[in-house]
Amino acid sequence: MISIAGLIGGVMGIYLGWLNYRLLLGFMEAAINKGKERNPAEKGWVELAEPTIRKVIFTLTIIGIPIIGYLAGASIAP
């Protein structure tokens, strides 16, 4: 059965995951821009791995944190 507390935890997890996602993408873009300022001709490892890093960040924040929020909410108020 779906618990109301679990749903509230999931919604809070989606919001916190979205905030985390935007923050981490901002850090990644700043690292890429900093590398480009140092040496515009050379690509750094962050720039080369950007698509994979974006997928991992999305999976962990937008999908993982709401699941943890749901489970936490459901365990607090069964």
C-alpha atoms as a PDB file:
ATOM      1  CA  MET A   1       0.000   0.000   0.000  1.00  0.00           C
ATOM      2  CA  ILE A   2       1.211   3.507  -0.780  1.00  0.00           C
ATOM      3  CA  SER A   3       1.623   5.715   2.273  1.00  0.00           C
ATOM      4  CA  ILE A   4       0.918   9.439   2.299  1.00  0.00           C
ATOM      5  CA  ALA A   5       4.114  10.100   4.262  1.00  0.00           C
ATOM      6  CA  GLY A   6       6.057   8.171   1.642  1.00  0.00           C
ATOM      7  CA  LEU A   7       4.533  10.256  -1.140  1.00  0.00           C
ATOM      8  CA  ILE A   8       5.383  13.460   0.706  1.00  0.00           C
ATOM      9  CA  GLY A   9       8.937  12.203   1.151  1.00  0.00           C
ATOM     10  CA  GLY A  10       9.093  11.356  -2.554  1.00  0.00           C
ATOM     11  CA  VAL A  11       7.885  14.804  -3.597  1.00  0.00           C
ATOM     12  CA  MET A  12      10.401  16.442  -1.283  1.00  0.00           C
ATOM     13  CA  GLY A  13      13.048  14.132  -2.742  1.00  0.00           C
ATOM     14  CA  ILE A  14      12.159  15.206  -6.288  1.00  0.00           C
ATOM     15  CA  TYR A  15      12.528  18.854  -5.321  1.00  0.00           C
ATOM     16  CA  LEU A  16      15.815  18.315  -3.486  1.00  0.00           C
ATOM     17  CA  GLY A  17      17.064  16.108  -6.322  1.00  0.00           C
ATOM     18  CA  TRP A  18      16.266  18.806  -8.874  1.00  0.00           C
ATOM     19  CA  LEU A  19      18.114  21.417  -6.806  1.00  0.00           C
ATOM     20  CA  ASN A  20      21.090  19.079  -6.449  1.00  0.00           C
ATOM     21  CA  TYR A  21      21.019  18.314 -10.174  1.00  0.00           C
ATOM     22  CA  ARG A  22      21.165  21.990 -11.142  1.00  0.00           C
ATOM     23  CA  LEU A  23      23.920  22.667  -8.604  1.00  0.00           C
ATOM     24  CA  LEU A  24      26.103  19.772  -9.745  1.00  0.00           C
ATOM     25  CA  LEU A  25      25.657  20.656 -13.428  1.00  0.00           C
ATOM     26  CA  GLY A  26      26.701  24.209 -12.619  1.00  0.00           C
ATOM     27  CA  PHE A  27      29.859  22.937 -10.920  1.00  0.00           C
ATOM     28  CA  MET A  28      30.619  20.729 -13.907  1.00  0.00           C
ATOM     29  CA  GLU A  29      30.138  23.567 -16.407  1.00  0.00           C
ATOM     30  CA  ALA A  30      32.349  25.818 -14.272  1.00  0.00           C
ATOM     31  CA  ALA A  31      35.091  23.168 -14.305  1.00  0.00           C
ATOM     32  CA  ILE A  32      34.820  22.871 -18.094  1.00  0.00           C
ATOM     33  CA  ASN A  33      34.978  26.655 -18.550  1.00  0.00           C
ATOM     34  CA  LYS A  34      37.949  26.908 -16.197  1.00  0.00           C
ATOM     35  CA  GLY A  35      39.782  24.271 -18.232  1.00  0.00           C
ATOM     36  CA  LYS A  36      39.004  26.094 -21.473  1.00  0.00           C
ATOM     37  CA  GLU A  37      40.381  29.344 -20.054  1.00  0.00           C
ATOM     38  CA  ARG A  38      43.667  27.669 -19.163  1.00  0.00           C
ATOM     39  CA  ASN A  39      44.218  25.923 -22.476  1.00  0.00           C
ATOM     40  CA  PRO A  40      41.541  26.410 -25.175  1.00  0.00           C
ATOM     41  CA  ALA A  41      43.090  23.883 -27.565  1.00  0.00           C
ATOM     42  CA  GLU A  42      43.157  20.958 -25.127  1.00  0.00           C
ATOM     43  CA  LYS A  43      40.103  19.117 -23.836  1.00  0.00           C
ATOM     44  CA  GLY A  44      40.162  18.160 -20.164  1.00  0.00           C
ATOM     45  CA  TRP A  45      38.906  14.887 -18.750  1.00  0.00           C
ATOM     46  CA  VAL A  46      35.713  16.527 -17.478  1.00  0.00           C
ATOM     47  CA  GLU A  47      34.861  17.789 -20.940  1.00  0.00           C
ATOM     48  CA  LEU A  48      35.552  14.386 -22.485  1.00  0.00           C
ATOM     49  CA  ALA A  49      33.412  12.557 -19.926  1.00  0.00           C
ATOM     50  CA  GLU A  50      30.618  15.163 -19.840  1.00  0.00           C
ATOM     51  CA  PRO A  51      27.812  13.012 -21.362  1.00  0.00           C
ATOM     52  CA  THR A  52      28.510  10.159 -18.950  1.00  0.00           C
ATOM     53  CA  ILE A  53      28.791  12.490 -15.964  1.00  0.00           C
ATOM     54  CA  ARG A  54      25.460  14.119 -16.889  1.00  0.00           C
ATOM     55  CA  LYS A  55      23.755  10.704 -17.012  1.00  0.00           C
ATOM     56  CA  VAL A  56      25.205   9.660 -13.650  1.00  0.00           C
ATOM     57  CA  ILE A  57      24.210  12.954 -12.012  1.00  0.00           C
ATOM     58  CA  PHE A  58      20.676  12.662 -13.438  1.00  0.00           C
ATOM     59  CA  THR A  59      20.289   9.072 -12.263  1.00  0.00           C
ATOM     60  CA  LEU A  60      21.546   9.724  -8.753  1.00  0.00           C
ATOM     61  CA  THR A  61      19.709  12.991  -8.116  1.00  0.00           C
ATOM     62  CA  ILE A  62      16.444  12.939 -10.061  1.00  0.00           C
ATOM     63  CA  ILE A  63      15.769   9.208  -9.625  1.00  0.00           C
ATOM     64  CA  GLY A  64      17.741   8.149  -6.534  1.00  0.00           C
ATOM     65  CA  ILE A  65      16.922  10.905  -4.052  1.00  0.00           C
ATOM     66  CA  PRO A  66      13.102  10.658  -4.507  1.00  0.00           C
ATOM     67  CA  ILE A  67      13.305   6.903  -3.916  1.00  0.00           C
ATOM     68  CA  ILE A  68      15.254   7.502  -0.713  1.00  0.00           C
ATOM     69  CA  GLY A  69      12.720  10.186   0.287  1.00  0.00           C
ATOM     70  CA  TYR A  70       9.805   7.825  -0.290  1.00  0.00           C
ATOM     71  CA  LEU A  71      11.432   5.040   1.708  1.00  0.00           C
ATOM     72  CA  ALA A  72      12.304   7.427   4.559  1.00  0.00           C
ATOM     73  CA  GLY A  73       8.770   8.842   4.650  1.00  0.00           C
ATOM     74  CA  ALA A  74       7.169   5.413   4.507  1.00  0.00           C
ATOM     75  CA  SER A  75       9.341   4.087   7.331  1.00  0.00           C
ATOM     76  CA  ILE A  76       8.638   7.072   9.615  1.00  0.00           C
ATOM     77  CA  ALA A  77       4.844   6.867   9.372  1.00  0.00           C
ATOM     78  CA  PRO A  78       3.688   3.389   8.312  1.00  0.00           C
END
